[in-house]
C-alpha atoms as a PDB file:
ATOM      1  CA  UNK A   1      -6.775   2.735  14.598  1.00  0.00           C
ATOM      2  CA  UNK A   2      -8.978   5.708  15.320  1.00  0.00           C
ATOM      3  CA  UNK A   3      -7.690   9.133  14.283  1.00  0.00           C
ATOM      4  CA  UNK A   4      -9.355  12.520  14.594  1.00  0.00           C
ATOM      5  CA  UNK A   5      -8.185  14.625  11.649  1.00  0.00           C
ATOM      6  CA  UNK A   6      -9.145  17.965  10.239  1.00  0.00           C
ATOM      7  CA  UNK A   7      -8.428  18.138   6.500  1.00  0.00           C
ATOM      8  CA  UNK A   8      -9.043  20.769   3.854  1.00  0.00           C
ATOM      9  CA  UNK A   9      -8.901  20.579   0.074  1.00  0.00           C
ATOM     10  CA  UNK A  10      -7.385  23.883  -0.974  1.00  0.00           C
ATOM     11  CA  UNK A  11      -6.887  25.747  -4.233  1.00  0.00           C
ATOM     12  CA  UNK A  12      -4.591  28.690  -3.648  1.00  0.00           C
ATOM     13  CA  UNK A  13      -5.876  30.423  -0.541  1.00  0.00           C
ATOM     14  CA  UNK A  14      -9.474  29.279  -0.883  1.00  0.00           C
ATOM     15  CA  UNK A  15     -10.631  26.275   1.127  1.00  0.00           C
ATOM     16  CA  UNK A  16     -12.901  24.120  -1.009  1.00  0.00           C
ATOM     17  CA  UNK A  17     -13.735  21.366   1.475  1.00  0.00           C
ATOM     18  CA  UNK A  18     -12.922  20.268   5.020  1.00  0.00           C
ATOM     19  CA  UNK A  19     -12.939  16.768   6.499  1.00  0.00           C
ATOM     20  CA  UNK A  20     -11.784  14.988   9.644  1.00  0.00           C
ATOM     21  CA  UNK A  21     -10.297  11.846   8.064  1.00  0.00           C
ATOM     22  CA  UNK A  22      -8.150  11.566   4.917  1.00  0.00           C
ATOM     23  CA  UNK A  23      -7.407   8.111   3.489  1.00  0.00           C
ATOM     24  CA  UNK A  24      -4.979   7.523   0.618  1.00  0.00           C
ATOM     25  CA  UNK A  25      -5.677   4.557  -1.678  1.00  0.00           C
ATOM     26  CA  UNK A  26      -8.866   2.551  -2.216  1.00  0.00           C
ATOM     27  CA  UNK A  27      -7.556  -0.977  -1.784  1.00  0.00           C
ATOM     28  CA  UNK A  28      -9.133  -3.259   0.855  1.00  0.00           C
ATOM     29  CA  UNK A  29      -7.527  -1.400   3.793  1.00  0.00           C
ATOM     30  CA  UNK A  30      -8.485   2.013   2.426  1.00  0.00           C
ATOM     31  CA  UNK A  31     -12.042   0.936   1.675  1.00  0.00           C
ATOM     32  CA  UNK A  32     -12.395  -0.563   5.127  1.00  0.00           C
ATOM     33  CA  UNK A  33     -11.085   2.579   6.828  1.00  0.00           C
ATOM     34  CA  UNK A  34     -13.371   4.814   4.757  1.00  0.00           C
ATOM     35  CA  UNK A  35     -16.388   2.602   5.453  1.00  0.00           C
ATOM     36  CA  UNK A  36     -15.595   2.694   9.155  1.00  0.00           C
ATOM     37  CA  UNK A  37     -15.354   6.492   9.093  1.00  0.00           C
ATOM     38  CA  UNK A  38     -18.666   6.705   7.250  1.00  0.00           C
ATOM     39  CA  UNK A  39     -20.321   4.349   9.719  1.00  0.00           C
ATOM     40  CA  UNK A  40     -19.128   6.531  12.615  1.00  0.00           C
ATOM     41  CA  UNK A  41     -20.524   9.608  10.911  1.00  0.00           C
ATOM     42  CA  UNK A  42     -17.092  11.200  10.511  1.00  0.00           C
ATOM     43  CA  UNK A  43     -16.477  13.605   7.633  1.00  0.00           C
ATOM     44  CA  UNK A  44     -13.861  11.966   5.419  1.00  0.00           C
ATOM     45  CA  UNK A  45     -12.370  11.636   1.954  1.00  0.00           C
ATOM     46  CA  UNK A  46     -10.960   8.546   0.253  1.00  0.00           C
ATOM     47  CA  UNK A  47      -8.281   9.652  -2.237  1.00  0.00           C
ATOM     48  CA  UNK A  48      -7.896   7.450  -5.343  1.00  0.00           C
ATOM     49  CA  UNK A  49      -5.533   8.265  -8.217  1.00  0.00           C
ATOM     50  CA  UNK A  50      -7.604   6.440 -10.874  1.00  0.00           C
ATOM     51  CA  UNK A  51     -11.254   6.735 -11.903  1.00  0.00           C
ATOM     52  CA  UNK A  52     -12.286   3.498 -10.149  1.00  0.00           C
ATOM     53  CA  UNK A  53     -11.849   1.718  -6.831  1.00  0.00           C
ATOM     54  CA  UNK A  54      -9.147  -0.838  -6.002  1.00  0.00           C
ATOM     55  CA  UNK A  55      -6.896  -0.306  -9.023  1.00  0.00           C
ATOM     56  CA  UNK A  56      -4.605  -3.284  -8.308  1.00  0.00           C
ATOM     57  CA  UNK A  57      -7.462  -5.776  -8.465  1.00  0.00           C
ATOM     58  CA  UNK A  58      -9.104  -3.823 -11.300  1.00  0.00           C
ATOM     59  CA  UNK A  59      -5.997  -4.541 -13.409  1.00  0.00           C
ATOM     60  CA  UNK A  60      -6.215  -8.299 -12.880  1.00  0.00           C
ATOM     61  CA  UNK A  61      -7.220 -10.344 -15.916  1.00  0.00           C
ATOM     62  CA  UNK A  62     -10.903 -11.163 -16.270  1.00  0.00           C
ATOM     63  CA  UNK A  63     -12.034 -14.098 -14.191  1.00  0.00           C
ATOM     64  CA  UNK A  64      -8.964 -14.067 -11.948  1.00  0.00           C
ATOM     65  CA  UNK A  65      -9.467 -15.483  -8.458  1.00  0.00           C
ATOM     66  CA  UNK A  66      -8.931 -12.915  -5.684  1.00  0.00           C
ATOM     67  CA  UNK A  67      -7.869 -14.237  -2.301  1.00  0.00           C
ATOM     68  CA  UNK A  68      -9.397 -13.048   0.960  1.00  0.00           C
ATOM     69  CA  UNK A  69      -7.583 -10.423   3.025  1.00  0.00           C
ATOM     70  CA  UNK A  70      -5.020 -11.942   5.485  1.00  0.00           C
ATOM     71  CA  UNK A  71      -6.730 -12.940   8.726  1.00  0.00           C
ATOM     72  CA  UNK A  72      -3.757 -11.514  10.647  1.00  0.00           C
ATOM     73  CA  UNK A  73      -4.719  -8.003   9.495  1.00  0.00           C
ATOM     74  CA  UNK A  74      -8.363  -7.607  10.478  1.00  0.00           C
ATOM     75  CA  UNK A  75     -10.235  -4.941   8.511  1.00  0.00           C
ATOM     76  CA  UNK A  76     -12.739  -3.187  10.756  1.00  0.00           C
ATOM     77  CA  UNK A  77     -15.804  -2.482   8.678  1.00  0.00           C
ATOM     78  CA  UNK A  78     -18.909  -4.185   7.342  1.00  0.00           C
ATOM     79  CA  UNK A  79     -17.377  -4.593   3.884  1.00  0.00           C
ATOM     80  CA  UNK A  80     -17.222  -8.124   2.451  1.00  0.00           C
ATOM     81  CA  UNK A  81     -13.596  -9.179   1.960  1.00  0.00           C
ATOM     82  CA  UNK A  82     -14.149 -12.815   1.030  1.00  0.00           C
ATOM     83  CA  UNK A  83     -12.370 -14.590  -1.797  1.00  0.00           C
ATOM     84  CA  UNK A  84     -13.993 -14.626  -5.222  1.00  0.00           C
ATOM     85  CA  UNK A  85     -13.710 -13.771  -8.900  1.00  0.00           C
ATOM     86  CA  UNK A  86     -12.359 -10.364  -9.904  1.00  0.00           C
ATOM     87  CA  UNK A  87     -15.625  -9.100 -11.401  1.00  0.00           C
ATOM     88  CA  UNK A  88     -17.717 -10.229  -8.436  1.00  0.00           C
ATOM     89  CA  UNK A  89     -15.356  -8.680  -5.884  1.00  0.00           C
ATOM     90  CA  UNK A  90     -15.196  -5.324  -7.672  1.00  0.00           C
ATOM     91  CA  UNK A  91     -18.971  -5.264  -8.111  1.00  0.00           C
ATOM     92  CA  UNK A  92     -19.558  -5.949  -4.423  1.00  0.00           C
ATOM     93  CA  UNK A  93     -17.115  -3.233  -3.343  1.00  0.00           C
ATOM     94  CA  UNK A  94     -18.592  -0.653  -5.732  1.00  0.00           C
ATOM     95  CA  UNK A  95     -22.062  -1.378  -4.396  1.00  0.00           C
ATOM     96  CA  UNK A  96     -21.072  -1.417  -0.742  1.00  0.00           C
ATOM     97  CA  UNK A  97     -19.042   1.793  -1.111  1.00  0.00           C
ATOM     98  CA  UNK A  98     -22.106   3.529  -2.509  1.00  0.00           C
ATOM     99  CA  UNK A  99     -24.397   2.059   0.148  1.00  0.00           C
ATOM    100  CA  UNK A 100     -21.999   3.095   2.927  1.00  0.00           C
ATOM    101  CA  UNK A 101     -21.923   6.676   1.701  1.00  0.00           C
ATOM    102  CA  UNK A 102     -18.147   6.754   1.256  1.00  0.00           C
ATOM    103  CA  UNK A 103     -16.843  10.062  -0.084  1.00  0.00           C
ATOM    104  CA  UNK A 104     -14.299   9.299  -2.833  1.00  0.00           C
ATOM    105  CA  UNK A 105     -12.094  11.793  -4.629  1.00  0.00           C
ATOM    106  CA  UNK A 106     -11.121  10.129  -7.923  1.00  0.00           C
ATOM    107  CA  UNK A 107      -8.176  11.004 -10.187  1.00  0.00           C
ATOM    108  CA  UNK A 108      -6.340  12.535  -7.247  1.00  0.00           C
ATOM    109  CA  UNK A 109      -2.800  11.219  -6.879  1.00  0.00           C
ATOM    110  CA  UNK A 110      -0.882  12.107  -3.712  1.00  0.00           C
ATOM    111  CA  UNK A 111       2.724  12.986  -4.581  1.00  0.00           C
ATOM    112  CA  UNK A 112       3.963  14.330  -1.253  1.00  0.00           C
ATOM    113  CA  UNK A 113       3.123  14.044   2.434  1.00  0.00           C
ATOM    114  CA  UNK A 114       4.641  16.621   4.759  1.00  0.00           C
ATOM    115  CA  UNK A 115       4.120  17.657   8.339  1.00  0.00           C
ATOM    116  CA  UNK A 116       4.777  16.465  11.844  1.00  0.00           C
ATOM    117  CA  UNK A 117       3.013  15.367  14.993  1.00  0.00           C
ATOM    118  CA  UNK A 118      -0.519  15.494  13.700  1.00  0.00           C
ATOM    119  CA  UNK A 119      -0.174  18.387  11.267  1.00  0.00           C
ATOM    120  CA  UNK A 120       0.101  17.038   7.738  1.00  0.00           C
ATOM    121  CA  UNK A 121      -0.013  18.476   4.242  1.00  0.00           C
ATOM    122  CA  UNK A 122      -0.894  16.124   1.381  1.00  0.00           C
ATOM    123  CA  UNK A 123       0.074  17.537  -2.000  1.00  0.00           C
ATOM    124  CA  UNK A 124      -1.838  16.190  -4.994  1.00  0.00           C
ATOM    125  CA  UNK A 125      -0.486  15.802  -8.499  1.00  0.00           C
ATOM    126  CA  UNK A 126      -2.825  18.486  -9.806  1.00  0.00           C
ATOM    127  CA  UNK A 127      -1.090  20.887  -7.360  1.00  0.00           C
ATOM    128  CA  UNK A 128      -4.090  21.133  -5.055  1.00  0.00           C
ATOM    129  CA  UNK A 129      -3.421  20.389  -1.371  1.00  0.00           C
ATOM    130  CA  UNK A 130      -5.116  18.346   1.339  1.00  0.00           C
ATOM    131  CA  UNK A 131      -4.213  19.524   4.861  1.00  0.00           C
ATOM    132  CA  UNK A 132      -4.717  17.203   7.816  1.00  0.00           C
ATOM    133  CA  UNK A 133      -4.376  18.411  11.410  1.00  0.00           C
ATOM    134  CA  UNK A 134      -4.680  15.955  14.269  1.00  0.00           C
ATOM    135  CA  UNK A 135      -3.779  18.358  17.091  1.00  0.00           C
ATOM    136  CA  UNK A 136      -7.349  19.141  18.073  1.00  0.00           C
ATOM    137  CA  UNK A 137      -8.518  19.422  21.662  1.00  0.00           C
ATOM    138  CA  UNK A 138     -10.845  16.429  21.789  1.00  0.00           C
ATOM    139  CA  UNK A 139      -8.215  14.233  20.134  1.00  0.00           C
ATOM    140  CA  UNK A 140      -5.607  15.185  22.748  1.00  0.00           C
ATOM    141  CA  UNK A 141      -7.990  14.876  25.682  1.00  0.00           C
ATOM    142  CA  UNK A 142      -8.940  11.373  24.560  1.00  0.00           C
ATOM    143  CA  UNK A 143      -5.257  10.390  24.484  1.00  0.00           C
ATOM    144  CA  UNK A 144      -5.445   9.237  20.872  1.00  0.00           C
ATOM    145  CA  UNK A 145      -2.615   9.254  18.347  1.00  0.00           C
ATOM    146  CA  UNK A 146      -2.299  10.100  14.674  1.00  0.00           C
ATOM    147  CA  UNK A 147      -0.041   7.510  13.027  1.00  0.00           C
ATOM    148  CA  UNK A 148       0.902   7.047   9.369  1.00  0.00           C
ATOM    149  CA  UNK A 149       2.670   3.835   8.284  1.00  0.00           C
ATOM    150  CA  UNK A 150       4.300   4.040   4.856  1.00  0.00           C
ATOM    151  CA  UNK A 151       4.683   0.433   3.760  1.00  0.00           C
ATOM    152  CA  UNK A 152       7.091  -1.061   1.234  1.00  0.00           C
ATOM    153  CA  UNK A 153       5.814  -3.294  -1.556  1.00  0.00           C
ATOM    154  CA  UNK A 154       3.984  -6.267  -0.029  1.00  0.00           C
ATOM    155  CA  UNK A 155       5.189  -9.775  -0.800  1.00  0.00           C
ATOM    156  CA  UNK A 156       4.667 -13.244   0.666  1.00  0.00           C
ATOM    157  CA  UNK A 157       3.456 -16.734  -0.297  1.00  0.00           C
ATOM    158  CA  UNK A 158      -0.232 -15.718  -0.166  1.00  0.00           C
ATOM    159  CA  UNK A 159       0.069 -12.273  -1.773  1.00  0.00           C
ATOM    160  CA  UNK A 160      -1.514 -12.100  -5.227  1.00  0.00           C
ATOM    161  CA  UNK A 161       1.236  -9.808  -6.478  1.00  0.00           C
ATOM    162  CA  UNK A 162       3.837 -12.389  -5.432  1.00  0.00           C
ATOM    163  CA  UNK A 163       2.005 -15.197  -7.234  1.00  0.00           C
ATOM    164  CA  UNK A 164       1.764 -13.055 -10.350  1.00  0.00           C
ATOM    165  CA  UNK A 165       5.469 -12.171 -10.132  1.00  0.00           C
ATOM    166  CA  UNK A 166       6.392 -15.855  -9.825  1.00  0.00           C
ATOM    167  CA  UNK A 167       4.179 -16.821 -12.741  1.00  0.00           C
ATOM    168  CA  UNK A 168       5.904 -14.213 -14.905  1.00  0.00           C
ATOM    169  CA  UNK A 169       9.356 -15.192 -13.632  1.00  0.00           C
ATOM    170  CA  UNK A 170       8.729 -18.810 -14.617  1.00  0.00           C
ATOM    171  CA  UNK A 171       8.355 -17.480 -18.119  1.00  0.00           C
ATOM    172  CA  UNK A 172      11.692 -15.727 -17.786  1.00  0.00           C
ATOM    173  CA  UNK A 173      10.727 -12.111 -17.040  1.00  0.00           C
ATOM    174  CA  UNK A 174      10.288  -9.713 -14.119  1.00  0.00           C
ATOM    175  CA  UNK A 175       8.801  -6.218 -14.132  1.00  0.00           C
ATOM    176  CA  UNK A 176      11.678  -4.548 -12.292  1.00  0.00           C
ATOM    177  CA  UNK A 177      12.609  -1.702 -14.570  1.00  0.00           C
ATOM    178  CA  UNK A 178      15.246   0.843 -13.716  1.00  0.00           C
ATOM    179  CA  UNK A 179      18.967   0.734 -12.909  1.00  0.00           C
ATOM    180  CA  UNK A 180      20.186  -2.497 -11.363  1.00  0.00           C
ATOM    181  CA  UNK A 181      21.615  -0.592  -8.420  1.00  0.00           C
ATOM    182  CA  UNK A 182      18.322   1.228  -7.726  1.00  0.00           C
ATOM    183  CA  UNK A 183      16.734   0.137  -4.448  1.00  0.00           C
ATOM    184  CA  UNK A 184      13.272  -1.403  -4.198  1.00  0.00           C
ATOM    185  CA  UNK A 185      11.588  -1.191  -0.749  1.00  0.00           C
ATOM    186  CA  UNK A 186       9.706  -4.333   0.279  1.00  0.00           C
ATOM    187  CA  UNK A 187       7.919  -5.683   3.333  1.00  0.00           C
ATOM    188  CA  UNK A 188       6.912  -9.288   4.082  1.00  0.00           C
ATOM    189  CA  UNK A 189       3.113  -9.395   4.445  1.00  0.00           C
ATOM    190  CA  UNK A 190       3.119 -10.907   7.935  1.00  0.00           C
ATOM    191  CA  UNK A 191       5.681  -8.326   9.066  1.00  0.00           C
ATOM    192  CA  UNK A 192       3.409  -5.574   7.749  1.00  0.00           C
ATOM    193  CA  UNK A 193       0.578  -6.984   9.870  1.00  0.00           C
ATOM    194  CA  UNK A 194       2.764  -7.175  12.983  1.00  0.00           C
ATOM    195  CA  UNK A 195       3.899  -3.584  12.358  1.00  0.00           C
ATOM    196  CA  UNK A 196       0.280  -2.406  12.453  1.00  0.00           C
ATOM    197  CA  UNK A 197      -0.178  -4.186  15.788  1.00  0.00           C
ATOM    198  CA  UNK A 198       3.057  -2.661  17.141  1.00  0.00           C
ATOM    199  CA  UNK A 199       1.964   0.810  16.029  1.00  0.00           C
ATOM    200  CA  UNK A 200      -1.388   0.458  17.756  1.00  0.00           C
ATOM    201  CA  UNK A 201       0.270  -0.721  20.946  1.00  0.00           C
ATOM    202  CA  UNK A 202       3.134   1.709  21.402  1.00  0.00           C
ATOM    203  CA  UNK A 203       4.012   4.048  18.519  1.00  0.00           C
ATOM    204  CA  UNK A 204       3.972   7.769  19.331  1.00  0.00           C
ATOM    205  CA  UNK A 205       2.157  10.006  16.862  1.00  0.00           C
ATOM    206  CA  UNK A 206       4.095  10.452  13.641  1.00  0.00           C
ATOM    207  CA  UNK A 207       4.975   9.147  10.197  1.00  0.00           C
ATOM    208  CA  UNK A 208       6.944   5.891   9.960  1.00  0.00           C
ATOM    209  CA  UNK A 209       8.438   3.814   7.145  1.00  0.00           C
ATOM    210  CA  UNK A 210       7.771   0.071   7.438  1.00  0.00           C
ATOM    211  CA  UNK A 211      10.098  -1.982   5.233  1.00  0.00           C
ATOM    212  CA  UNK A 212      12.500  -4.929   5.454  1.00  0.00           C
ATOM    213  CA  UNK A 213      15.671  -4.358   7.496  1.00  0.00           C
ATOM    214  CA  UNK A 214      18.017  -4.385   4.523  1.00  0.00           C
ATOM    215  CA  UNK A 215      17.175  -2.591   1.253  1.00  0.00           C
ATOM    216  CA  UNK A 216      17.873  -4.678  -1.864  1.00  0.00           C
ATOM    217  CA  UNK A 217      18.896  -3.314  -5.289  1.00  0.00           C
ATOM    218  CA  UNK A 218      16.742  -4.339  -8.257  1.00  0.00           C
ATOM    219  CA  UNK A 219      19.528  -6.467  -9.737  1.00  0.00           C
ATOM    220  CA  UNK A 220      19.763  -8.614  -6.600  1.00  0.00           C
ATOM    221  CA  UNK A 221      15.999  -8.719  -6.246  1.00  0.00           C
ATOM    222  CA  UNK A 222      15.704 -10.057  -9.791  1.00  0.00           C
ATOM    223  CA  UNK A 223      18.177 -12.822  -8.929  1.00  0.00           C
ATOM    224  CA  UNK A 224      16.195 -13.738  -5.808  1.00  0.00           C
ATOM    225  CA  UNK A 225      12.943 -13.889  -7.770  1.00  0.00           C
ATOM    226  CA  UNK A 226      14.569 -16.013 -10.475  1.00  0.00           C
ATOM    227  CA  UNK A 227      15.849 -18.474  -7.873  1.00  0.00           C
ATOM    228  CA  UNK A 228      12.404 -18.710  -6.259  1.00  0.00           C
ATOM    229  CA  UNK A 229      10.916 -19.465  -9.691  1.00  0.00           C
ATOM    230  CA  UNK A 230      13.549 -22.086 -10.466  1.00  0.00           C
ATOM    231  CA  UNK A 231      15.136 -20.043 -13.267  1.00  0.00           C
ATOM    232  CA  UNK A 232      18.826 -19.195 -13.760  1.00  0.00           C
ATOM    233  CA  UNK A 233      17.863 -15.586 -14.465  1.00  0.00           C
ATOM    234  CA  UNK A 234      14.974 -13.339 -15.473  1.00  0.00           C
ATOM    235  CA  UNK A 235      14.932 -10.504 -17.974  1.00  0.00           C
ATOM    236  CA  UNK A 236      14.068  -7.014 -16.754  1.00  0.00           C
ATOM    237  CA  UNK A 237      12.510  -4.488 -19.135  1.00  0.00           C
ATOM    238  CA  UNK A 238      14.534  -1.330 -19.797  1.00  0.00           C
ATOM    239  CA  UNK A 239      13.301   1.821 -18.088  1.00  0.00           C
ATOM    240  CA  UNK A 240      12.536   3.525 -21.400  1.00  0.00           C
ATOM    241  CA  UNK A 241      10.144   0.729 -22.370  1.00  0.00           C
ATOM    242  CA  UNK A 242       8.181   0.998 -19.141  1.00  0.00           C
ATOM    243  CA  UNK A 243       7.993   4.762 -19.492  1.00  0.00           C
ATOM    244  CA  UNK A 244       6.847   4.363 -23.091  1.00  0.00           C
ATOM    245  CA  UNK A 245       4.086   1.976 -22.046  1.00  0.00           C
ATOM    246  CA  UNK A 246       3.054   3.767 -18.863  1.00  0.00           C
ATOM    247  CA  UNK A 247       3.948   7.348 -19.703  1.00  0.00           C
ATOM    248  CA  UNK A 248       4.893   9.776 -16.995  1.00  0.00           C
ATOM    249  CA  UNK A 249       2.808   7.772 -14.519  1.00  0.00           C
ATOM    250  CA  UNK A 250       5.475   5.029 -14.619  1.00  0.00           C
ATOM    251  CA  UNK A 251       8.273   7.329 -13.497  1.00  0.00           C
ATOM    252  CA  UNK A 252       7.983   6.382  -9.822  1.00  0.00           C
ATOM    253  CA  UNK A 253       8.440   2.691 -10.704  1.00  0.00           C
ATOM    254  CA  UNK A 254      11.993   3.136 -11.951  1.00  0.00           C
ATOM    255  CA  UNK A 255      13.468   5.475  -9.358  1.00  0.00           C
ATOM    256  CA  UNK A 256      15.594   4.255  -6.460  1.00  0.00           C
ATOM    257  CA  UNK A 257      13.795   4.210  -3.106  1.00  0.00           C
ATOM    258  CA  UNK A 258      16.186   3.477  -0.265  1.00  0.00           C
ATOM    259  CA  UNK A 259      13.987   3.548   2.828  1.00  0.00           C
ATOM    260  CA  UNK A 260      14.834   2.721   6.445  1.00  0.00           C
ATOM    261  CA  UNK A 261      12.662   1.260   9.207  1.00  0.00           C
ATOM    262  CA  UNK A 262      15.058   2.443  11.951  1.00  0.00           C
ATOM    263  CA  UNK A 263      12.750   5.136  13.320  1.00  0.00           C
ATOM    264  CA  UNK A 264       9.783   2.781  13.628  1.00  0.00           C
ATOM    265  CA  UNK A 265      11.918   0.061  15.281  1.00  0.00           C
ATOM    266  CA  UNK A 266      13.290   2.546  17.809  1.00  0.00           C
ATOM    267  CA  UNK A 267       9.814   3.838  18.620  1.00  0.00           C
ATOM    268  CA  UNK A 268       8.079   0.477  19.043  1.00  0.00           C
ATOM    269  CA  UNK A 269      10.642  -2.308  19.472  1.00  0.00           C
ATOM    270  CA  UNK A 270       9.166  -3.969  16.380  1.00  0.00           C
ATOM    271  CA  UNK A 271      11.465  -6.008  14.174  1.00  0.00           C
ATOM    272  CA  UNK A 272      10.642  -7.863  10.937  1.00  0.00           C
ATOM    273  CA  UNK A 273      10.912 -11.637  10.836  1.00  0.00           C
ATOM    274  CA  UNK A 274      12.322 -11.418   7.285  1.00  0.00           C
ATOM    275  CA  UNK A 275      15.522  -9.385   7.078  1.00  0.00           C
ATOM    276  CA  UNK A 276      15.467  -8.629   3.363  1.00  0.00           C
ATOM    277  CA  UNK A 277      13.897  -9.615   0.044  1.00  0.00           C
ATOM    278  CA  UNK A 278      16.640 -12.144  -0.673  1.00  0.00           C
ATOM    279  CA  UNK A 279      15.608 -14.140   2.392  1.00  0.00           C
ATOM    280  CA  UNK A 280      11.930 -13.511   1.732  1.00  0.00           C
ATOM    281  CA  UNK A 281      11.933 -14.734  -1.853  1.00  0.00           C
ATOM    282  CA  UNK A 282      13.933 -17.782  -0.770  1.00  0.00           C
ATOM    283  CA  UNK A 283      11.094 -18.557   1.649  1.00  0.00           C
ATOM    284  CA  UNK A 284       8.551 -18.013  -1.099  1.00  0.00           C
ATOM    285  CA  UNK A 285      10.399 -20.496  -3.330  1.00  0.00           C
ATOM    286  CA  UNK A 286      10.426 -23.100  -0.562  1.00  0.00           C
ATOM    287  CA  UNK A 287       6.758 -22.641   0.318  1.00  0.00           C
ATOM    288  CA  UNK A 288       5.515 -22.650  -3.284  1.00  0.00           C
ATOM    289  CA  UNK A 289       7.390 -25.522  -4.858  1.00  0.00           C
ATOM    290  CA  UNK A 290       4.274 -26.897  -6.500  1.00  0.00           C
ATOM    291  CA  UNK A 291       3.128 -25.374  -9.838  1.00  0.00           C
ATOM    292  CA  UNK A 292       0.798 -22.396  -9.501  1.00  0.00           C
ATOM    293  CA  UNK A 293      -2.823 -22.917 -10.671  1.00  0.00           C
ATOM    294  CA  UNK A 294      -2.638 -20.001 -13.127  1.00  0.00           C
ATOM    295  CA  UNK A 295       0.956 -20.529 -14.322  1.00  0.00           C
END
């Protein structure tokens, strides 16, 4: 997806920087988008809340095998996204990010995205603001669209996070802190990929939530994960323990997030193949009956 954006890092009334493309998160998709922008000579900023790239993979244990990106979601850049060991993958991405000239803003967590039809305001945790405006003349004349897809938590039989969750569940635990009735937005990996295709084909400019059809409370999600792992139940840590371990940063992990995909479905005709996480985790359990290599 090509987007022409005008963005400005502001402090009060003073504009500190201005870019055309703003990318939130430095996982594989974010790195690929930033590398593509750099290759096209577009001014850009890659916003990362930690002090390093690809925090999810960075947190893996040493020596952990990292799978390749799903072939159904092609990443358009010259970055290497092949499978390999954690340390090797992170080293390659650090080197290629530097070689590509990617502009990264570290320790900048986005806490709010506001705006409409190409005029967005990204508020950072440190109270500074990143403004993105897509309603520029050349953008409109080219007939392009500015689209933001806000995805639920990815899961599926090939997702590393799913394999890790199953491995932990087989030991009787699940990191699903918070009230049992609090909702947890999810999206099947293949449905996420098909949503990207649907957005490219027919979505009007705008911000869309891409999640399963039916939101599932944490209590029911824990039961589904336990069943997939072959356990009668799994223990969930209390919210206070997660907050104690993760501090204020962990607050977002315990709050209820009831999100709907209705607007995106109406705009594109897209529909997920997996209705909710109960069905999805049942599929995971069926597809991964054999013991996991790292369990």
